[in-house]
Amino acid sequence: MLRVQKVRVDDIYVPTARRKTLHPETVRHLAEDILENGMKTPIQVRHDGKRHILVEGLHRLEAAKWLGETEIDAYLVQAKRH
């Protein structure tokens, strides 16, 4: 079973290919929703021994950054590299 843990936003690496899928308008809408309702679903990261790498939740991560959050709820998952 996955457990939610706090991860520092600045410690999460976003692969270049994932960054290309970012939609700023979606980030803005998500940030507004997070302000009103909180973060509903944690992001997913994997750990490669040195850093956390984003697996799922780019827009949620960017919304948290936009809101000035220093930590975010995340599931640590076992995932293959893309």
PDB file of N, CA and C in Angstrom:
ATOM      1  N   MET A   1       0.844  -1.186   0.000  1.00  0.00           N
ATOM      2  CA  MET A   1       0.000   0.000   0.000  1.00  0.00           C
ATOM      3  C   MET A   1       0.885   1.244   0.000  1.00  0.00           C
ATOM      4  N   LEU A   2       0.500   2.203  -0.793  1.00  0.00           N
ATOM      5  CA  LEU A   2       1.267   3.433  -0.889  1.00  0.00           C
ATOM      6  C   LEU A   2       0.996   4.335   0.298  1.00  0.00           C
ATOM      7  N   ARG A   3       2.060   4.958   0.796  1.00  0.00           N
ATOM      8  CA  ARG A   3       1.927   5.920   1.880  1.00  0.00           C
ATOM      9  C   ARG A   3       2.315   7.296   1.366  1.00  0.00           C
ATOM     10  N   VAL A   4       1.570   8.283   1.810  1.00  0.00           N
ATOM     11  CA  VAL A   4       1.872   9.660   1.435  1.00  0.00           C
ATOM     12  C   VAL A   4       3.030  10.153   2.288  1.00  0.00           C
ATOM     13  N   GLN A   5       3.979  10.824   1.651  1.00  0.00           N
ATOM     14  CA  GLN A   5       5.066  11.449   2.383  1.00  0.00           C
ATOM     15  C   GLN A   5       5.298  12.848   1.845  1.00  0.00           C
ATOM     16  N   LYS A   6       5.852  13.703   2.675  1.00  0.00           N
ATOM     17  CA  LYS A   6       6.171  15.067   2.267  1.00  0.00           C
ATOM     18  C   LYS A   6       7.515  15.057   1.547  1.00  0.00           C
ATOM     19  N   VAL A   7       7.576  15.730   0.403  1.00  0.00           N
ATOM     20  CA  VAL A   7       8.811  15.850  -0.373  1.00  0.00           C
ATOM     21  C   VAL A   7       9.029  17.333  -0.652  1.00  0.00           C
ATOM     22  N   ARG A   8      10.264  17.776  -0.494  1.00  0.00           N
ATOM     23  CA  ARG A   8      10.582  19.173  -0.802  1.00  0.00           C
ATOM     24  C   ARG A   8      10.391  19.413  -2.296  1.00  0.00           C
ATOM     25  N   VAL A   9       9.661  20.461  -2.621  1.00  0.00           N
ATOM     26  CA  VAL A   9       9.370  20.801  -4.011  1.00  0.00           C
ATOM     27  C   VAL A   9      10.668  21.005  -4.802  1.00  0.00           C
ATOM     28  N   ASP A  10      11.651  21.650  -4.185  1.00  0.00           N
ATOM     29  CA  ASP A  10      12.913  21.927  -4.877  1.00  0.00           C
ATOM     30  C   ASP A  10      13.755  20.681  -5.119  1.00  0.00           C
ATOM     31  N   ASP A  11      13.429  19.579  -4.449  1.00  0.00           N
ATOM     32  CA  ASP A  11      14.191  18.339  -4.604  1.00  0.00           C
ATOM     33  C   ASP A  11      13.615  17.411  -5.666  1.00  0.00           C
ATOM     34  N   ILE A  12      12.580  17.851  -6.368  1.00  0.00           N
ATOM     35  CA  ILE A  12      11.937  17.007  -7.374  1.00  0.00           C
ATOM     36  C   ILE A  12      12.436  17.398  -8.760  1.00  0.00           C
ATOM     37  N   TYR A  13      13.006  16.424  -9.450  1.00  0.00           N
ATOM     38  CA  TYR A  13      13.485  16.639 -10.819  1.00  0.00           C
ATOM     39  C   TYR A  13      12.363  16.297 -11.794  1.00  0.00           C
ATOM     40  N   VAL A  14      12.144  17.191 -12.740  1.00  0.00           N
ATOM     41  CA  VAL A  14      11.135  16.965 -13.780  1.00  0.00           C
ATOM     42  C   VAL A  14      11.883  16.711 -15.097  1.00  0.00           C
ATOM     43  N   PRO A  15      11.753  15.495 -15.654  1.00  0.00           N
ATOM     44  CA  PRO A  15      12.416  15.203 -16.926  1.00  0.00           C
ATOM     45  C   PRO A  15      12.002  16.182 -18.023  1.00  0.00           C
ATOM     46  N   THR A  16      12.940  16.490 -18.900  1.00  0.00           N
ATOM     47  CA  THR A  16      12.720  17.464 -19.973  1.00  0.00           C
ATOM     48  C   THR A  16      11.488  17.131 -20.807  1.00  0.00           C
ATOM     49  N   ALA A  17      11.303  15.871 -21.155  1.00  0.00           N
ATOM     50  CA  ALA A  17      10.154  15.481 -21.979  1.00  0.00           C
ATOM     51  C   ALA A  17       8.837  15.778 -21.260  1.00  0.00           C
ATOM     52  N   ARG A  18       8.832  15.646 -19.946  1.00  0.00           N
ATOM     53  CA  ARG A  18       7.611  15.929 -19.179  1.00  0.00           C
ATOM     54  C   ARG A  18       7.310  17.423 -19.165  1.00  0.00           C
ATOM     55  N   ARG A  19       8.357  18.250 -19.098  1.00  0.00           N
ATOM     56  CA  ARG A  19       8.158  19.709 -19.046  1.00  0.00           C
ATOM     57  C   ARG A  19       7.439  20.225 -20.284  1.00  0.00           C
ATOM     58  N   LYS A  20       7.626  19.554 -21.406  1.00  0.00           N
ATOM     59  CA  LYS A  20       7.016  19.993 -22.666  1.00  0.00           C
ATOM     60  C   LYS A  20       5.506  19.848 -22.657  1.00  0.00           C
ATOM     61  N   THR A  21       4.969  19.065 -21.717  1.00  0.00           N
ATOM     62  CA  THR A  21       3.518  18.846 -21.667  1.00  0.00           C
ATOM     63  C   THR A  21       2.807  19.831 -20.744  1.00  0.00           C
ATOM     64  N   LEU A  22       3.531  20.806 -20.220  1.00  0.00           N
ATOM     65  CA  LEU A  22       2.969  21.755 -19.260  1.00  0.00           C
ATOM     66  C   LEU A  22       2.056  22.771 -19.942  1.00  0.00           C
ATOM     67  N   HIS A  23       0.873  22.988 -19.334  1.00  0.00           N
ATOM     68  CA  HIS A  23      -0.090  23.969 -19.819  1.00  0.00           C
ATOM     69  C   HIS A  23      -0.305  25.001 -18.709  1.00  0.00           C
ATOM     70  N   PRO A  24       0.214  26.223 -18.868  1.00  0.00           N
ATOM     71  CA  PRO A  24       0.123  27.241 -17.809  1.00  0.00           C
ATOM     72  C   PRO A  24      -1.303  27.533 -17.330  1.00  0.00           C
ATOM     73  N   GLU A  25      -2.258  27.500 -18.228  1.00  0.00           N
ATOM     74  CA  GLU A  25      -3.643  27.778 -17.837  1.00  0.00           C
ATOM     75  C   GLU A  25      -4.164  26.695 -16.887  1.00  0.00           C
ATOM     76  N   THR A  26      -3.783  25.453 -17.128  1.00  0.00           N
ATOM     77  CA  THR A  26      -4.169  24.351 -16.249  1.00  0.00           C
ATOM     78  C   THR A  26      -3.554  24.541 -14.870  1.00  0.00           C
ATOM     79  N   VAL A  27      -2.304  24.986 -14.833  1.00  0.00           N
ATOM     80  CA  VAL A  27      -1.625  25.241 -13.560  1.00  0.00           C
ATOM     81  C   VAL A  27      -2.369  26.308 -12.766  1.00  0.00           C
ATOM     82  N   ARG A  28      -2.773  27.373 -13.434  1.00  0.00           N
ATOM     83  CA  ARG A  28      -3.492  28.452 -12.755  1.00  0.00           C
ATOM     84  C   ARG A  28      -4.814  27.958 -12.168  1.00  0.00           C
ATOM     85  N   HIS A  29      -5.569  27.195 -12.950  1.00  0.00           N
ATOM     86  CA  HIS A  29      -6.849  26.662 -12.467  1.00  0.00           C
ATOM     87  C   HIS A  29      -6.635  25.708 -11.289  1.00  0.00           C
ATOM     88  N   LEU A  30      -5.634  24.865 -11.384  1.00  0.00           N
ATOM     89  CA  LEU A  30      -5.335  23.939 -10.294  1.00  0.00           C
ATOM     90  C   LEU A  30      -4.930  24.688  -9.030  1.00  0.00           C
ATOM     91  N   ALA A  31      -4.115  25.722  -9.183  1.00  0.00           N
ATOM     92  CA  ALA A  31      -3.674  26.510  -8.026  1.00  0.00           C
ATOM     93  C   ALA A  31      -4.883  27.124  -7.319  1.00  0.00           C
ATOM     94  N   GLU A  32      -5.824  27.638  -8.087  1.00  0.00           N
ATOM     95  CA  GLU A  32      -7.038  28.212  -7.492  1.00  0.00           C
ATOM     96  C   GLU A  32      -7.832  27.136  -6.749  1.00  0.00           C
ATOM     97  N   ASP A  33      -7.938  25.953  -7.346  1.00  0.00           N
ATOM     98  CA  ASP A  33      -8.666  24.857  -6.718  1.00  0.00           C
ATOM     99  C   ASP A  33      -7.962  24.388  -5.440  1.00  0.00           C
ATOM    100  N   ILE A  34      -6.639  24.333  -5.472  1.00  0.00           N
ATOM    101  CA  ILE A  34      -5.883  23.928  -4.283  1.00  0.00           C
ATOM    102  C   ILE A  34      -6.086  24.932  -3.153  1.00  0.00           C
ATOM    103  N   LEU A  35      -6.120  26.215  -3.489  1.00  0.00           N
ATOM    104  CA  LEU A  35      -6.372  27.235  -2.462  1.00  0.00           C
ATOM    105  C   LEU A  35      -7.733  27.034  -1.796  1.00  0.00           C
ATOM    106  N   GLU A  36      -8.734  26.690  -2.597  1.00  0.00           N
ATOM    107  CA  GLU A  36     -10.086  26.532  -2.080  1.00  0.00           C
ATOM    108  C   GLU A  36     -10.310  25.190  -1.391  1.00  0.00           C
ATOM    109  N   ASN A  37      -9.753  24.123  -1.957  1.00  0.00           N
ATOM    110  CA  ASN A  37     -10.095  22.772  -1.510  1.00  0.00           C
ATOM    111  C   ASN A  37      -8.923  21.932  -1.012  1.00  0.00           C
ATOM    112  N   GLY A  38      -7.710  22.429  -1.144  1.00  0.00           N
ATOM    113  CA  GLY A  38      -6.537  21.639  -0.769  1.00  0.00           C
ATOM    114  C   GLY A  38      -6.141  20.677  -1.875  1.00  0.00           C
ATOM    115  N   MET A  39      -4.981  20.079  -1.711  1.00  0.00           N
ATOM    116  CA  MET A  39      -4.481  19.104  -2.691  1.00  0.00           C
ATOM    117  C   MET A  39      -5.233  17.790  -2.478  1.00  0.00           C
ATOM    118  N   LYS A  40      -5.948  17.349  -3.500  1.00  0.00           N
ATOM    119  CA  LYS A  40      -6.778  16.153  -3.371  1.00  0.00           C
ATOM    120  C   LYS A  40      -6.005  14.870  -3.622  1.00  0.00           C
ATOM    121  N   THR A  41      -5.095  14.900  -4.590  1.00  0.00           N
ATOM    122  CA  THR A  41      -4.366  13.695  -4.973  1.00  0.00           C
ATOM    123  C   THR A  41      -2.869  13.978  -4.939  1.00  0.00           C
ATOM    124  N   PRO A  42      -2.114  13.200  -4.168  1.00  0.00           N
ATOM    125  CA  PRO A  42      -0.658  13.410  -4.133  1.00  0.00           C
ATOM    126  C   PRO A  42      -0.024  13.119  -5.502  1.00  0.00           C
ATOM    127  N   ILE A  43       1.112  13.761  -5.754  1.00  0.00           N
ATOM    128  CA  ILE A  43       1.866  13.460  -6.961  1.00  0.00           C
ATOM    129  C   ILE A  43       2.569  12.119  -6.760  1.00  0.00           C
ATOM    130  N   GLN A  44       3.176  11.585  -7.820  1.00  0.00           N
ATOM    131  CA  GLN A  44       3.945  10.346  -7.715  1.00  0.00           C
ATOM    132  C   GLN A  44       5.378  10.638  -8.114  1.00  0.00           C
ATOM    133  N   VAL A  45       6.307  10.168  -7.300  1.00  0.00           N
ATOM    134  CA  VAL A  45       7.734  10.316  -7.589  1.00  0.00           C
ATOM    135  C   VAL A  45       8.417   8.975  -7.390  1.00  0.00           C
ATOM    136  N   ARG A  46       9.555   8.810  -8.024  1.00  0.00           N
ATOM    137  CA  ARG A  46      10.423   7.659  -7.763  1.00  0.00           C
ATOM    138  C   ARG A  46      11.750   8.217  -7.288  1.00  0.00           C
ATOM    139  N   HIS A  47      12.510   7.404  -6.592  1.00  0.00           N
ATOM    140  CA  HIS A  47      13.812   7.850  -6.092  1.00  0.00           C
ATOM    141  C   HIS A  47      14.881   7.028  -6.782  1.00  0.00           C
ATOM    142  N   ASP A  48      15.867   7.704  -7.368  1.00  0.00           N
ATOM    143  CA  ASP A  48      16.920   6.995  -8.098  1.00  0.00           C
ATOM    144  C   ASP A  48      18.196   6.836  -7.272  1.00  0.00           C
ATOM    145  N   GLY A  49      18.095   7.075  -5.968  1.00  0.00           N
ATOM    146  CA  GLY A  49      19.263   6.981  -5.099  1.00  0.00           C
ATOM    147  C   GLY A  49      19.851   8.332  -4.759  1.00  0.00           C
ATOM    148  N   LYS A  50      19.583   9.320  -5.602  1.00  0.00           N
ATOM    149  CA  LYS A  50      20.109  10.668  -5.369  1.00  0.00           C
ATOM    150  C   LYS A  50      19.010  11.715  -5.248  1.00  0.00           C
ATOM    151  N   ARG A  51      17.947  11.539  -6.001  1.00  0.00           N
ATOM    152  CA  ARG A  51      16.913  12.579  -6.057  1.00  0.00           C
ATOM    153  C   ARG A  51      15.554  11.951  -6.344  1.00  0.00           C
ATOM    154  N   HIS A  52      14.526  12.744  -6.118  1.00  0.00           N
ATOM    155  CA  HIS A  52      13.169  12.330  -6.472  1.00  0.00           C
ATOM    156  C   HIS A  52      12.900  12.769  -7.911  1.00  0.00           C
ATOM    157  N   ILE A  53      12.316  11.880  -8.687  1.00  0.00           N
ATOM    158  CA  ILE A  53      12.005  12.160 -10.086  1.00  0.00           C
ATOM    159  C   ILE A  53      10.490  12.058 -10.256  1.00  0.00           C
ATOM    160  N   LEU A  54       9.921  13.079 -10.862  1.00  0.00           N
ATOM    161  CA  LEU A  54       8.475  13.117 -11.060  1.00  0.00           C
ATOM    162  C   LEU A  54       8.027  12.007 -12.005  1.00  0.00           C
ATOM    163  N   VAL A  55       7.004  11.267 -11.585  1.00  0.00           N
ATOM    164  CA  VAL A  55       6.400  10.233 -12.423  1.00  0.00           C
ATOM    165  C   VAL A  55       5.041  10.716 -12.915  1.00  0.00           C
ATOM    166  N   GLU A  56       4.262  11.296 -12.002  1.00  0.00           N
ATOM    167  CA  GLU A  56       2.906  11.751 -12.335  1.00  0.00           C
ATOM    168  C   GLU A  56       2.564  12.965 -11.489  1.00  0.00           C
ATOM    169  N   GLY A  57       1.969  13.989 -12.119  1.00  0.00           N
ATOM    170  CA  GLY A  57       1.493  15.139 -11.359  1.00  0.00           C
ATOM    171  C   GLY A  57       2.203  16.445 -11.672  1.00  0.00           C
ATOM    172  N   LEU A  58       2.637  16.623 -12.902  1.00  0.00           N
ATOM    173  CA  LEU A  58       3.362  17.833 -13.286  1.00  0.00           C
ATOM    174  C   LEU A  58       2.574  19.102 -12.980  1.00  0.00           C
ATOM    175  N   HIS A  59       1.311  19.138 -13.342  1.00  0.00           N
ATOM    176  CA  HIS A  59       0.521  20.351 -13.132  1.00  0.00           C
ATOM    177  C   HIS A  59       0.279  20.622 -11.646  1.00  0.00           C
ATOM    178  N   ARG A  60       0.086  19.567 -10.858  1.00  0.00           N
ATOM    179  CA  ARG A  60      -0.064  19.751  -9.411  1.00  0.00           C
ATOM    180  C   ARG A  60       1.229  20.278  -8.798  1.00  0.00           C
ATOM    181  N   LEU A  61       2.369  19.745  -9.242  1.00  0.00           N
ATOM    182  CA  LEU A  61       3.668  20.214  -8.750  1.00  0.00           C
ATOM    183  C   LEU A  61       3.872  21.684  -9.094  1.00  0.00           C
ATOM    184  N   GLU A  62       3.601  22.062 -10.331  1.00  0.00           N
ATOM    185  CA  GLU A  62       3.781  23.451 -10.751  1.00  0.00           C
ATOM    186  C   GLU A  62       2.801  24.381 -10.039  1.00  0.00           C
ATOM    187  N   ALA A  63       1.581  23.903  -9.772  1.00  0.00           N
ATOM    188  CA  ALA A  63       0.612  24.713  -9.022  1.00  0.00           C
ATOM    189  C   ALA A  63       1.114  24.946  -7.602  1.00  0.00           C
ATOM    190  N   ALA A  64       1.689  23.924  -6.989  1.00  0.00           N
ATOM    191  CA  ALA A  64       2.244  24.070  -5.643  1.00  0.00           C
ATOM    192  C   ALA A  64       3.389  25.079  -5.641  1.00  0.00           C
ATOM    193  N   LYS A  65       4.235  25.025  -6.665  1.00  0.00           N
ATOM    194  CA  LYS A  65       5.334  25.998  -6.791  1.00  0.00           C
ATOM    195  C   LYS A  65       4.759  27.404  -6.940  1.00  0.00           C
ATOM    196  N   TRP A  66       3.745  27.537  -7.778  1.00  0.00           N
ATOM    197  CA  TRP A  66       3.118  28.833  -8.043  1.00  0.00           C
ATOM    198  C   TRP A  66       2.534  29.424  -6.767  1.00  0.00           C
ATOM    199  N   LEU A  67       2.053  28.544  -5.874  1.00  0.00           N
ATOM    200  CA  LEU A  67       1.481  28.989  -4.608  1.00  0.00           C
ATOM    201  C   LEU A  67       2.546  29.236  -3.535  1.00  0.00           C
ATOM    202  N   GLY A  68       3.802  28.942  -3.859  1.00  0.00           N
ATOM    203  CA  GLY A  68       4.883  29.180  -2.915  1.00  0.00           C
ATOM    204  C   GLY A  68       5.094  28.063  -1.903  1.00  0.00           C
ATOM    205  N   GLU A  69       4.530  26.899  -2.168  1.00  0.00           N
ATOM    206  CA  GLU A  69       4.694  25.765  -1.257  1.00  0.00           C
ATOM    207  C   GLU A  69       6.141  25.272  -1.300  1.00  0.00           C
ATOM    208  N   THR A  70       6.650  24.836  -0.157  1.00  0.00           N
ATOM    209  CA  THR A  70       8.016  24.293  -0.106  1.00  0.00           C
ATOM    210  C   THR A  70       8.009  22.772  -0.063  1.00  0.00           C
ATOM    211  N   GLU A  71       6.866  22.184   0.328  1.00  0.00           N
ATOM    212  CA  GLU A  71       6.727  20.728   0.364  1.00  0.00           C
ATOM    213  C   GLU A  71       5.403  20.339  -0.290  1.00  0.00           C
ATOM    214  N   ILE A  72       5.376  19.099  -0.779  1.00  0.00           N
ATOM    215  CA  ILE A  72       4.171  18.592  -1.428  1.00  0.00           C
ATOM    216  C   ILE A  72       3.984  17.136  -1.027  1.00  0.00           C
ATOM    217  N   ASP A  73       2.719  16.714  -0.923  1.00  0.00           N
ATOM    218  CA  ASP A  73       2.425  15.313  -0.640  1.00  0.00           C
ATOM    219  C   ASP A  73       2.733  14.488  -1.881  1.00  0.00           C
ATOM    220  N   ALA A  74       3.403  13.347  -1.661  1.00  0.00           N
ATOM    221  CA  ALA A  74       3.788  12.498  -2.788  1.00  0.00           C
ATOM    222  C   ALA A  74       3.743  11.032  -2.392  1.00  0.00           C
ATOM    223  N   TYR A  75       3.431  10.204  -3.373  1.00  0.00           N
ATOM    224  CA  TYR A  75       3.583   8.760  -3.238  1.00  0.00           C
ATOM    225  C   TYR A  75       4.948   8.405  -3.811  1.00  0.00           C
ATOM    226  N   LEU A  76       5.709   7.615  -3.084  1.00  0.00           N
ATOM    227  CA  LEU A  76       6.974   7.097  -3.600  1.00  0.00           C
ATOM    228  C   LEU A  76       6.649   5.775  -4.274  1.00  0.00           C
ATOM    229  N   VAL A  77       6.865   5.711  -5.592  1.00  0.00           N
ATOM    230  CA  VAL A  77       6.500   4.523  -6.363  1.00  0.00           C
ATOM    231  C   VAL A  77       7.729   3.904  -7.010  1.00  0.00           C
ATOM    232  N   GLN A  78       7.569   2.647  -7.369  1.00  0.00           N
ATOM    233  CA  GLN A  78       8.601   1.964  -8.146  1.00  0.00           C
ATOM    234  C   GLN A  78       8.164   2.091  -9.603  1.00  0.00           C
ATOM    235  N   ALA A  79       8.948   2.767 -10.398  1.00  0.00           N
ATOM    236  CA  ALA A  79       8.565   2.993 -11.793  1.00  0.00           C
ATOM    237  C   ALA A  79       9.800   2.900 -12.675  1.00  0.00           C
ATOM    238  N   LYS A  80       9.579   2.416 -13.871  1.00  0.00           N
ATOM    239  CA  LYS A  80      10.672   2.348 -14.837  1.00  0.00           C
ATOM    240  C   LYS A  80      10.880   3.720 -15.454  1.00  0.00           C
ATOM    241  N   ARG A  81      12.080   3.951 -15.943  1.00  0.00           N
ATOM    242  CA  ARG A  81      12.357   5.188 -16.659  1.00  0.00           C
ATOM    243  C   ARG A  81      11.594   5.196 -17.961  1.00  0.00           C
ATOM    244  N   HIS A  82      11.187   6.379 -18.373  1.00  0.00           N
ATOM    245  CA  HIS A  82      10.439   6.507 -19.636  1.00  0.00           C
ATOM    246  C   HIS A  82      11.409   6.568 -20.790  1.00  0.00           C
TER     247      HIS A  82
END
